[in-house]
Amino acid sequence: MVTPVIGRFPHGSCSGAHAYDASNTGCGWISVDEQSYYIEPYANLSGAKLIGASLSGANLVGANLAGANLSYAVLSESITPRPSHIANLTNANLVGANLSNGFLPWVDLSGANLSGAFLIGTNLTGADLTNAILTNVTAANVTTCPNGVGWKTKGDEIYIYKHRAIGVGGCQGTIRLSWLDLKVWQTGKIYVDGS
């Protein structure tokens, strides 16, 4: 399937019209592996195969990406300086999504549901994980945390629940999730401040 010329990403309408927009909207048609997808807020991209997709500045607020494969996807232009076009995945459903080796610096994942997501090798430098749900996320020491530090492992997983954290490994330093401060140090132990 060929990507339609009218409304090609990132110059498509975000209103559902799938038409051309002269400004950089972060919406529009993309093609990945001979499949076409329309990028827009609240899009249903469940199970989409977006392997290696270039989605810098994508407007995917509230989108359903459950089970989508975004391995090697690029959702940000650079780490430094902070880019002007950053993907917005606020409140997106990323349950079980494969974000392995994805490039997500500064991406807004606030309120996103990343339960069961695969983050091995994912670069999350500067990403906003405020109120994100990270239950049963799988990551490894090649995953870059929001603070730019590699994920520390003693095992490969950290299990984060609404009011407590159990497990081993994780990001060294502090990840702010508004209701929870997780401090994970090289010992692999998780210390929770507050409840």
N, C-alpha and C. Protein backbone atom coordinates (compact mmCIF):
# COMPACT_ATOMS: atom_id res chain seq x y z
N MET A 1 0.85 -1.18 0.00
CA MET A 1 0.00 0.00 0.00
C MET A 1 0.89 1.24 0.00
N VAL A 2 0.57 2.21 -0.81
CA VAL A 2 1.35 3.43 -0.94
C VAL A 2 0.73 4.53 -0.10
N THR A 3 1.57 5.33 0.56
CA THR A 3 1.07 6.44 1.36
C THR A 3 0.42 7.47 0.46
N PRO A 4 -0.81 7.89 0.77
CA PRO A 4 -1.45 8.94 -0.03
C PRO A 4 -0.60 10.20 -0.01
N VAL A 5 -0.56 10.93 -1.14
CA VAL A 5 0.23 12.15 -1.23
C VAL A 5 -0.41 13.25 -0.40
N ILE A 6 -1.72 13.35 -0.44
CA ILE A 6 -2.43 14.39 0.31
C ILE A 6 -2.47 13.99 1.78
N GLY A 7 -2.05 14.91 2.64
CA GLY A 7 -2.09 14.65 4.08
C GLY A 7 -0.97 13.79 4.59
N ARG A 8 0.18 13.82 3.92
CA ARG A 8 1.32 13.02 4.35
C ARG A 8 1.89 13.59 5.65
N PHE A 9 2.32 12.74 6.57
CA PHE A 9 2.90 13.12 7.85
C PHE A 9 4.13 13.99 7.63
N PRO A 10 4.33 15.08 8.35
CA PRO A 10 3.55 15.62 9.48
C PRO A 10 2.62 16.76 9.06
N HIS A 11 2.17 16.77 7.81
CA HIS A 11 1.35 17.87 7.31
C HIS A 11 -0.09 17.45 7.02
N GLY A 12 -0.61 16.55 7.82
CA GLY A 12 -2.00 16.15 7.65
C GLY A 12 -2.89 16.86 8.65
N SER A 13 -4.16 16.86 8.37
CA SER A 13 -5.13 17.47 9.28
C SER A 13 -5.25 16.60 10.53
N CYS A 14 -5.37 17.23 11.68
CA CYS A 14 -5.57 16.50 12.94
C CYS A 14 -7.05 16.42 13.29
N SER A 15 -7.90 16.87 12.39
CA SER A 15 -9.34 16.92 12.68
C SER A 15 -10.09 15.70 12.18
N GLY A 16 -9.38 14.72 11.65
CA GLY A 16 -10.04 13.52 11.13
C GLY A 16 -10.34 13.61 9.65
N ALA A 17 -10.03 14.76 9.02
CA ALA A 17 -10.32 14.94 7.60
C ALA A 17 -9.30 14.25 6.70
N HIS A 18 -8.13 13.92 7.24
CA HIS A 18 -7.05 13.28 6.50
C HIS A 18 -6.64 14.10 5.28
N ALA A 19 -6.71 15.41 5.41
CA ALA A 19 -6.37 16.32 4.32
C ALA A 19 -5.04 16.99 4.60
N TYR A 20 -4.56 17.77 3.63
CA TYR A 20 -3.29 18.48 3.76
C TYR A 20 -3.45 19.69 4.67
N ASP A 21 -2.40 19.97 5.45
CA ASP A 21 -2.33 21.17 6.27
C ASP A 21 -0.94 21.75 6.09
N ALA A 22 -0.85 23.01 5.77
CA ALA A 22 0.45 23.63 5.48
C ALA A 22 1.38 23.67 6.68
N SER A 23 0.83 23.68 7.87
CA SER A 23 1.67 23.72 9.07
C SER A 23 2.12 22.32 9.46
N ASN A 24 3.10 22.27 10.35
CA ASN A 24 3.59 21.00 10.86
C ASN A 24 2.68 20.59 12.01
N THR A 25 1.68 19.79 11.72
CA THR A 25 0.66 19.43 12.70
C THR A 25 1.03 18.23 13.56
N GLY A 26 1.94 17.40 13.06
CA GLY A 26 2.25 16.14 13.75
C GLY A 26 1.25 15.06 13.41
N CYS A 27 0.41 15.30 12.42
CA CYS A 27 -0.58 14.32 11.96
C CYS A 27 -0.30 13.97 10.50
N GLY A 28 -0.91 12.92 10.02
CA GLY A 28 -0.80 12.57 8.60
C GLY A 28 -0.50 11.11 8.36
N TRP A 29 -0.47 10.76 7.09
CA TRP A 29 -0.22 9.39 6.65
C TRP A 29 1.26 9.05 6.70
N ILE A 30 1.57 7.85 7.18
CA ILE A 30 2.92 7.31 7.08
C ILE A 30 2.81 5.89 6.53
N SER A 31 3.86 5.43 5.90
CA SER A 31 3.93 4.05 5.42
C SER A 31 5.11 3.36 6.07
N VAL A 32 4.86 2.18 6.58
CA VAL A 32 5.91 1.35 7.17
C VAL A 32 5.70 -0.06 6.66
N ASP A 33 6.71 -0.58 5.99
CA ASP A 33 6.66 -1.96 5.50
C ASP A 33 5.39 -2.21 4.68
N GLU A 34 5.11 -1.32 3.76
CA GLU A 34 3.99 -1.40 2.83
C GLU A 34 2.61 -1.31 3.48
N GLN A 35 2.56 -0.84 4.72
CA GLN A 35 1.30 -0.59 5.40
C GLN A 35 1.19 0.92 5.65
N SER A 36 0.00 1.48 5.49
CA SER A 36 -0.22 2.91 5.75
C SER A 36 -1.03 3.09 7.02
N TYR A 37 -0.64 4.11 7.79
CA TYR A 37 -1.31 4.44 9.04
C TYR A 37 -1.52 5.95 9.10
N TYR A 38 -2.64 6.37 9.69
CA TYR A 38 -2.86 7.80 9.86
C TYR A 38 -2.55 8.18 11.29
N ILE A 39 -1.60 9.09 11.46
CA ILE A 39 -1.15 9.55 12.78
C ILE A 39 -2.00 10.75 13.17
N GLU A 40 -2.69 10.66 14.30
CA GLU A 40 -3.52 11.76 14.80
C GLU A 40 -3.91 11.46 16.24
N PRO A 41 -4.36 12.49 16.98
CA PRO A 41 -4.82 12.24 18.35
C PRO A 41 -5.94 11.19 18.37
N TYR A 42 -5.89 10.33 19.36
CA TYR A 42 -6.90 9.30 19.60
C TYR A 42 -6.97 8.26 18.48
N ALA A 43 -5.94 8.16 17.65
CA ALA A 43 -5.91 7.16 16.59
C ALA A 43 -5.92 5.77 17.19
N ASN A 44 -6.56 4.83 16.51
CA ASN A 44 -6.52 3.44 16.93
C ASN A 44 -5.43 2.75 16.12
N LEU A 45 -4.26 2.62 16.73
CA LEU A 45 -3.13 1.98 16.08
C LEU A 45 -2.76 0.70 16.82
N SER A 46 -3.74 0.09 17.44
CA SER A 46 -3.54 -1.15 18.19
C SER A 46 -2.93 -2.21 17.26
N GLY A 47 -1.81 -2.77 17.68
CA GLY A 47 -1.16 -3.82 16.90
C GLY A 47 -0.43 -3.32 15.66
N ALA A 48 -0.34 -2.01 15.48
CA ALA A 48 0.33 -1.46 14.29
C ALA A 48 1.80 -1.84 14.27
N LYS A 49 2.32 -2.11 13.09
CA LYS A 49 3.73 -2.45 12.93
C LYS A 49 4.46 -1.20 12.46
N LEU A 50 4.97 -0.45 13.44
CA LEU A 50 5.62 0.83 13.18
C LEU A 50 7.13 0.72 13.39
N ILE A 51 7.69 -0.42 13.04
CA ILE A 51 9.11 -0.70 13.24
C ILE A 51 9.94 0.30 12.44
N GLY A 52 10.81 1.02 13.15
CA GLY A 52 11.69 1.97 12.52
C GLY A 52 11.02 3.23 11.99
N ALA A 53 9.77 3.45 12.35
CA ALA A 53 9.04 4.62 11.85
C ALA A 53 9.67 5.91 12.34
N SER A 54 9.68 6.92 11.49
CA SER A 54 10.16 8.24 11.87
C SER A 54 8.95 9.08 12.27
N LEU A 55 8.75 9.24 13.57
CA LEU A 55 7.56 9.89 14.11
C LEU A 55 7.90 11.12 14.95
N SER A 56 8.99 11.80 14.63
CA SER A 56 9.35 13.01 15.37
C SER A 56 8.21 14.01 15.29
N GLY A 57 7.77 14.46 16.45
CA GLY A 57 6.69 15.44 16.49
C GLY A 57 5.30 14.87 16.30
N ALA A 58 5.16 13.56 16.32
CA ALA A 58 3.85 12.93 16.12
C ALA A 58 2.87 13.34 17.22
N ASN A 59 1.65 13.69 16.81
CA ASN A 59 0.60 14.06 17.76
C ASN A 59 -0.27 12.83 17.98
N LEU A 60 0.05 12.08 19.03
CA LEU A 60 -0.67 10.84 19.34
C LEU A 60 -1.30 10.91 20.72
N VAL A 61 -1.78 12.09 21.09
CA VAL A 61 -2.45 12.26 22.38
C VAL A 61 -3.62 11.29 22.46
N GLY A 62 -3.66 10.48 23.51
CA GLY A 62 -4.77 9.56 23.75
C GLY A 62 -4.88 8.44 22.75
N ALA A 63 -3.86 8.22 21.92
CA ALA A 63 -3.92 7.17 20.90
C ALA A 63 -3.86 5.78 21.53
N ASN A 64 -4.44 4.81 20.85
CA ASN A 64 -4.39 3.42 21.29
C ASN A 64 -3.30 2.72 20.49
N LEU A 65 -2.19 2.43 21.17
CA LEU A 65 -1.06 1.74 20.55
C LEU A 65 -0.80 0.41 21.26
N ALA A 66 -1.85 -0.14 21.86
CA ALA A 66 -1.71 -1.40 22.59
C ALA A 66 -1.18 -2.48 21.65
N GLY A 67 -0.11 -3.12 22.07
CA GLY A 67 0.48 -4.21 21.29
C GLY A 67 1.18 -3.76 20.02
N ALA A 68 1.32 -2.46 19.83
CA ALA A 68 1.99 -1.96 18.62
C ALA A 68 3.49 -2.24 18.72
N ASN A 69 4.12 -2.42 17.58
CA ASN A 69 5.56 -2.64 17.54
C ASN A 69 6.22 -1.36 17.05
N LEU A 70 6.86 -0.64 17.98
CA LEU A 70 7.57 0.59 17.67
C LEU A 70 9.07 0.41 17.86
N SER A 71 9.55 -0.82 17.75
CA SER A 71 10.98 -1.03 17.92
C SER A 71 11.74 -0.24 16.86
N TYR A 72 12.82 0.36 17.29
CA TYR A 72 13.68 1.20 16.46
C TYR A 72 12.98 2.45 15.92
N ALA A 73 11.80 2.77 16.43
CA ALA A 73 11.09 3.99 16.01
C ALA A 73 11.80 5.22 16.55
N VAL A 74 11.74 6.30 15.81
CA VAL A 74 12.35 7.57 16.21
C VAL A 74 11.21 8.54 16.48
N LEU A 75 11.05 8.96 17.74
CA LEU A 75 9.97 9.86 18.12
C LEU A 75 10.46 11.23 18.54
N SER A 76 11.74 11.48 18.36
CA SER A 76 12.34 12.75 18.72
C SER A 76 13.51 13.00 17.79
N GLU A 77 13.80 14.27 17.51
CA GLU A 77 14.87 14.60 16.57
C GLU A 77 16.27 14.47 17.16
N SER A 78 16.41 14.77 18.45
CA SER A 78 17.74 14.76 19.04
C SER A 78 17.65 14.72 20.57
N ILE A 79 18.79 14.48 21.20
CA ILE A 79 18.85 14.53 22.66
C ILE A 79 19.17 15.96 23.09
N THR A 80 20.22 16.54 22.51
CA THR A 80 20.56 17.93 22.80
C THR A 80 20.89 18.63 21.49
N PRO A 81 20.46 19.85 21.30
CA PRO A 81 19.56 20.54 22.21
C PRO A 81 18.17 19.91 22.14
N ARG A 82 17.35 20.29 23.13
CA ARG A 82 15.99 19.77 23.13
C ARG A 82 15.30 20.16 21.81
N PRO A 83 14.80 19.17 21.06
CA PRO A 83 14.22 19.47 19.75
C PRO A 83 12.87 20.19 19.84
N SER A 84 12.52 20.86 18.75
CA SER A 84 11.23 21.55 18.72
C SER A 84 10.10 20.60 18.36
N HIS A 85 10.41 19.52 17.67
CA HIS A 85 9.38 18.54 17.28
C HIS A 85 9.55 17.28 18.10
N ILE A 86 8.66 17.11 19.07
CA ILE A 86 8.71 15.97 19.99
C ILE A 86 7.36 15.26 19.93
N ALA A 87 7.38 13.95 19.86
CA ALA A 87 6.13 13.20 19.84
C ALA A 87 5.37 13.40 21.14
N ASN A 88 4.07 13.52 21.05
CA ASN A 88 3.21 13.68 22.22
C ASN A 88 2.36 12.43 22.36
N LEU A 89 2.66 11.64 23.38
CA LEU A 89 1.93 10.40 23.66
C LEU A 89 1.20 10.49 25.00
N THR A 90 0.78 11.71 25.37
CA THR A 90 0.05 11.91 26.61
C THR A 90 -1.17 11.02 26.65
N ASN A 91 -1.33 10.29 27.75
CA ASN A 91 -2.48 9.40 27.98
C ASN A 91 -2.65 8.31 26.92
N ALA A 92 -1.60 8.02 26.16
CA ALA A 92 -1.69 6.97 25.14
C ALA A 92 -1.72 5.59 25.79
N ASN A 93 -2.37 4.66 25.13
CA ASN A 93 -2.41 3.27 25.56
C ASN A 93 -1.27 2.55 24.86
N LEU A 94 -0.21 2.22 25.62
CA LEU A 94 0.94 1.51 25.08
C LEU A 94 1.11 0.16 25.77
N VAL A 95 0.00 -0.43 26.22
CA VAL A 95 0.03 -1.71 26.92
C VAL A 95 0.67 -2.77 26.01
N GLY A 96 1.74 -3.37 26.50
CA GLY A 96 2.40 -4.44 25.75
C GLY A 96 3.12 -3.97 24.50
N ALA A 97 3.24 -2.67 24.31
CA ALA A 97 3.91 -2.16 23.10
C ALA A 97 5.40 -2.47 23.15
N ASN A 98 5.96 -2.72 21.98
CA ASN A 98 7.39 -2.96 21.87
C ASN A 98 8.07 -1.66 21.48
N LEU A 99 8.75 -1.03 22.43
CA LEU A 99 9.48 0.21 22.19
C LEU A 99 10.99 -0.05 22.22
N SER A 100 11.38 -1.32 22.09
CA SER A 100 12.79 -1.69 22.18
C SER A 100 13.62 -0.92 21.17
N ASN A 101 14.75 -0.40 21.64
CA ASN A 101 15.69 0.37 20.83
C ASN A 101 15.08 1.61 20.21
N GLY A 102 13.95 2.06 20.75
CA GLY A 102 13.31 3.27 20.26
C GLY A 102 14.06 4.51 20.72
N PHE A 103 13.95 5.59 19.95
CA PHE A 103 14.59 6.86 20.27
C PHE A 103 13.50 7.81 20.71
N LEU A 104 13.34 7.99 22.04
CA LEU A 104 12.24 8.75 22.61
C LEU A 104 12.67 9.91 23.51
N PRO A 105 13.84 10.55 23.29
CA PRO A 105 14.20 11.67 24.15
C PRO A 105 13.14 12.76 24.13
N TRP A 106 12.83 13.25 25.33
CA TRP A 106 11.91 14.37 25.56
C TRP A 106 10.46 14.05 25.21
N VAL A 107 10.14 12.83 24.81
CA VAL A 107 8.77 12.48 24.45
C VAL A 107 7.86 12.60 25.66
N ASP A 108 6.68 13.14 25.46
CA ASP A 108 5.70 13.29 26.54
C ASP A 108 4.90 12.00 26.66
N LEU A 109 5.21 11.24 27.71
CA LEU A 109 4.51 9.99 28.01
C LEU A 109 3.69 10.15 29.29
N SER A 110 3.38 11.40 29.66
CA SER A 110 2.64 11.62 30.90
C SER A 110 1.26 10.99 30.81
N GLY A 111 0.91 10.24 31.83
CA GLY A 111 -0.38 9.58 31.89
C GLY A 111 -0.51 8.37 30.97
N ALA A 112 0.55 8.04 30.23
CA ALA A 112 0.49 6.90 29.31
C ALA A 112 0.48 5.58 30.08
N ASN A 113 -0.20 4.60 29.54
CA ASN A 113 -0.22 3.27 30.14
C ASN A 113 0.79 2.41 29.40
N LEU A 114 1.94 2.18 30.05
CA LEU A 114 3.02 1.39 29.48
C LEU A 114 3.08 -0.01 30.10
N SER A 115 2.01 -0.46 30.70
CA SER A 115 2.00 -1.77 31.36
C SER A 115 2.48 -2.86 30.40
N GLY A 116 3.46 -3.61 30.84
CA GLY A 116 3.96 -4.72 30.05
C GLY A 116 4.75 -4.31 28.83
N ALA A 117 5.09 -3.04 28.69
CA ALA A 117 5.84 -2.57 27.52
C ALA A 117 7.29 -3.06 27.58
N PHE A 118 7.88 -3.22 26.41
CA PHE A 118 9.27 -3.64 26.30
C PHE A 118 10.12 -2.41 25.99
N LEU A 119 11.05 -2.08 26.91
CA LEU A 119 11.87 -0.89 26.79
C LEU A 119 13.35 -1.22 26.69
N ILE A 120 13.69 -2.42 26.27
CA ILE A 120 15.10 -2.81 26.21
C ILE A 120 15.80 -2.00 25.12
N GLY A 121 16.80 -1.23 25.53
CA GLY A 121 17.57 -0.41 24.60
C GLY A 121 16.90 0.91 24.24
N THR A 122 15.77 1.23 24.85
CA THR A 122 15.04 2.46 24.55
C THR A 122 15.74 3.66 25.18
N ASN A 123 15.82 4.76 24.44
CA ASN A 123 16.41 5.99 24.96
C ASN A 123 15.28 6.90 25.41
N LEU A 124 15.14 7.09 26.73
CA LEU A 124 14.10 7.91 27.33
C LEU A 124 14.66 9.19 27.95
N THR A 125 15.83 9.65 27.49
CA THR A 125 16.44 10.85 28.05
C THR A 125 15.45 12.01 28.04
N GLY A 126 15.20 12.58 29.21
CA GLY A 126 14.32 13.74 29.32
C GLY A 126 12.84 13.47 29.14
N ALA A 127 12.46 12.22 28.92
CA ALA A 127 11.05 11.89 28.71
C ALA A 127 10.22 12.20 29.96
N ASP A 128 8.99 12.62 29.76
CA ASP A 128 8.08 12.93 30.87
C ASP A 128 7.23 11.71 31.16
N LEU A 129 7.45 11.10 32.31
CA LEU A 129 6.70 9.91 32.73
C LEU A 129 5.74 10.22 33.87
N THR A 130 5.38 11.49 34.05
CA THR A 130 4.48 11.88 35.12
C THR A 130 3.16 11.12 35.00
N ASN A 131 2.78 10.44 36.06
CA ASN A 131 1.54 9.65 36.13
C ASN A 131 1.47 8.52 35.12
N ALA A 132 2.58 8.17 34.51
CA ALA A 132 2.59 7.02 33.60
C ALA A 132 2.45 5.73 34.40
N ILE A 133 1.80 4.75 33.82
CA ILE A 133 1.64 3.44 34.45
C ILE A 133 2.72 2.54 33.87
N LEU A 134 3.61 2.04 34.75
CA LEU A 134 4.77 1.27 34.31
C LEU A 134 4.77 -0.14 34.89
N THR A 135 3.60 -0.70 35.13
CA THR A 135 3.51 -2.04 35.71
C THR A 135 4.10 -3.07 34.75
N ASN A 136 5.00 -3.89 35.27
CA ASN A 136 5.61 -4.99 34.52
C ASN A 136 6.37 -4.56 33.28
N VAL A 137 6.94 -3.37 33.30
CA VAL A 137 7.79 -2.92 32.20
C VAL A 137 9.05 -3.77 32.19
N THR A 138 9.52 -4.13 31.00
CA THR A 138 10.76 -4.88 30.88
C THR A 138 11.82 -3.97 30.29
N ALA A 139 12.94 -3.83 30.99
CA ALA A 139 14.04 -2.99 30.54
C ALA A 139 15.35 -3.68 30.89
N ALA A 140 16.44 -3.15 30.39
CA ALA A 140 17.75 -3.74 30.66
C ALA A 140 18.78 -2.62 30.80
N ASN A 141 20.01 -2.99 31.07
CA ASN A 141 21.05 -1.98 31.30
C ASN A 141 21.36 -1.16 30.06
N VAL A 142 20.83 -1.51 28.90
CA VAL A 142 21.01 -0.72 27.69
C VAL A 142 19.87 0.27 27.49
N THR A 143 18.93 0.32 28.44
CA THR A 143 17.85 1.29 28.42
C THR A 143 18.35 2.58 29.08
N THR A 144 18.08 3.73 28.44
CA THR A 144 18.50 5.01 29.01
C THR A 144 17.32 5.65 29.71
N CYS A 145 17.50 5.97 30.99
CA CYS A 145 16.46 6.55 31.84
C CYS A 145 16.24 8.03 31.50
N PRO A 146 15.13 8.62 31.97
CA PRO A 146 14.88 10.04 31.73
C PRO A 146 16.01 10.96 32.19
N ASN A 147 16.75 10.55 33.22
CA ASN A 147 17.85 11.38 33.70
C ASN A 147 19.14 11.16 32.91
N GLY A 148 19.07 10.38 31.84
CA GLY A 148 20.22 10.14 30.97
C GLY A 148 21.15 9.03 31.42
N VAL A 149 20.83 8.40 32.54
CA VAL A 149 21.65 7.34 33.10
C VAL A 149 21.11 5.99 32.65
N GLY A 150 21.99 5.04 32.44
CA GLY A 150 21.57 3.69 32.04
C GLY A 150 20.79 3.00 33.14
N TRP A 151 19.83 2.19 32.76
CA TRP A 151 19.01 1.40 33.67
C TRP A 151 19.93 0.46 34.41
N LYS A 152 19.88 0.46 35.71
CA LYS A 152 20.72 -0.43 36.51
C LYS A 152 19.96 -1.72 36.74
N THR A 153 20.61 -2.83 36.50
CA THR A 153 19.91 -4.10 36.61
C THR A 153 20.55 -5.04 37.60
N LYS A 154 19.72 -5.82 38.19
CA LYS A 154 20.08 -7.01 38.95
C LYS A 154 18.89 -7.89 38.62
N GLY A 155 18.92 -8.48 37.47
CA GLY A 155 17.74 -9.01 36.83
C GLY A 155 17.36 -7.95 35.81
N ASP A 156 16.33 -8.14 35.07
CA ASP A 156 16.01 -7.20 34.01
C ASP A 156 14.71 -6.44 34.20
N GLU A 157 14.05 -6.57 35.34
CA GLU A 157 12.74 -5.96 35.43
C GLU A 157 12.57 -5.14 36.70
N ILE A 158 11.69 -4.16 36.62
CA ILE A 158 11.25 -3.41 37.78
C ILE A 158 9.73 -3.42 37.71
N TYR A 159 9.11 -3.70 38.82
CA TYR A 159 7.65 -3.73 38.85
C TYR A 159 7.18 -2.55 39.67
N ILE A 160 6.42 -1.68 39.06
CA ILE A 160 5.97 -0.47 39.72
C ILE A 160 4.45 -0.51 39.82
N TYR A 161 3.95 -0.40 41.03
CA TYR A 161 2.51 -0.41 41.25
C TYR A 161 2.09 0.95 41.78
N LYS A 162 0.81 1.22 41.79
CA LYS A 162 0.31 2.56 42.09
C LYS A 162 0.90 3.17 43.35
N HIS A 163 0.94 2.45 44.43
CA HIS A 163 1.42 3.06 45.67
C HIS A 163 2.64 2.37 46.25
N ARG A 164 3.26 1.48 45.50
CA ARG A 164 4.46 0.84 46.02
C ARG A 164 5.26 0.28 44.86
N ALA A 165 6.49 0.03 45.10
CA ALA A 165 7.35 -0.54 44.08
C ALA A 165 8.05 -1.75 44.66
N ILE A 166 8.06 -2.83 43.91
CA ILE A 166 8.79 -4.01 44.34
C ILE A 166 9.59 -4.50 43.15
N GLY A 167 10.66 -5.21 43.41
CA GLY A 167 11.47 -5.74 42.33
C GLY A 167 12.90 -5.28 42.46
N VAL A 168 13.66 -5.45 41.41
CA VAL A 168 15.06 -5.09 41.41
C VAL A 168 15.38 -4.31 40.16
N GLY A 169 16.49 -3.59 40.20
CA GLY A 169 16.91 -2.84 39.03
C GLY A 169 16.21 -1.51 38.94
N GLY A 170 16.33 -0.86 37.81
CA GLY A 170 15.65 0.40 37.58
C GLY A 170 16.59 1.54 37.32
N CYS A 171 16.05 2.75 37.30
CA CYS A 171 16.83 3.94 37.01
C CYS A 171 17.50 4.45 38.27
N GLN A 172 18.78 4.76 38.16
CA GLN A 172 19.52 5.33 39.28
C GLN A 172 19.10 6.79 39.39
N GLY A 173 18.88 7.23 40.58
CA GLY A 173 18.40 8.59 40.78
C GLY A 173 16.92 8.55 41.05
N THR A 174 16.21 9.56 40.64
CA THR A 174 14.80 9.66 40.96
C THR A 174 13.96 9.81 39.71
N ILE A 175 12.88 9.04 39.63
CA ILE A 175 11.88 9.22 38.58
C ILE A 175 10.66 9.79 39.27
N ARG A 176 10.18 10.95 38.84
CA ARG A 176 9.00 11.55 39.44
C ARG A 176 7.76 11.06 38.72
N LEU A 177 6.85 10.47 39.45
CA LEU A 177 5.58 10.04 38.90
C LEU A 177 4.46 10.74 39.66
N SER A 178 4.66 11.93 40.11
CA SER A 178 3.79 12.81 40.88
C SER A 178 3.34 12.20 42.20
N TRP A 179 2.72 11.03 42.19
CA TRP A 179 2.26 10.44 43.44
C TRP A 179 3.32 9.56 44.07
N LEU A 180 4.45 9.40 43.38
CA LEU A 180 5.43 8.44 43.87
C LEU A 180 6.83 8.89 43.47
N ASP A 181 7.75 8.86 44.40
CA ASP A 181 9.15 9.11 44.09
C ASP A 181 9.87 7.78 44.22
N LEU A 182 10.48 7.32 43.16
CA LEU A 182 11.24 6.08 43.24
C LEU A 182 12.72 6.42 43.23
N LYS A 183 13.43 5.95 44.23
CA LYS A 183 14.87 6.13 44.25
C LYS A 183 15.51 4.76 44.13
N VAL A 184 16.21 4.56 43.06
CA VAL A 184 16.81 3.26 42.79
C VAL A 184 18.32 3.44 42.71
N TRP A 185 19.02 2.73 43.54
CA TRP A 185 20.46 2.89 43.60
C TRP A 185 21.14 1.64 43.08
N GLN A 186 22.45 1.68 42.98
CA GLN A 186 23.18 0.58 42.37
C GLN A 186 23.06 -0.74 43.11
N THR A 187 22.58 -0.70 44.33
CA THR A 187 22.40 -1.95 45.06
C THR A 187 21.27 -2.77 44.46
N GLY A 188 20.46 -2.13 43.60
CA GLY A 188 19.33 -2.83 43.01
C GLY A 188 18.10 -2.76 43.87
N LYS A 189 18.21 -2.16 45.07
CA LYS A 189 17.05 -2.04 45.94
C LYS A 189 16.26 -0.80 45.57
N ILE A 190 14.98 -0.87 45.80
CA ILE A 190 14.12 0.26 45.50
C ILE A 190 13.68 0.90 46.80
N TYR A 191 13.86 2.21 46.92
CA TYR A 191 13.41 2.95 48.08
C TYR A 191 12.28 3.84 47.64
N VAL A 192 11.21 3.82 48.37
CA VAL A 192 10.05 4.62 48.02
C VAL A 192 9.86 5.70 49.07
N ASP A 193 9.83 6.98 48.61
CA ASP A 193 9.57 8.10 49.50
C ASP A 193 8.11 8.48 49.36
N GLY A 194 7.37 8.51 50.42
CA GLY A 194 5.94 8.84 50.35
C GLY A 194 5.13 7.59 50.10
N SER A 195 3.84 7.76 49.97
CA SER A 195 2.97 6.62 49.71
C SER A 195 1.82 7.05 48.83
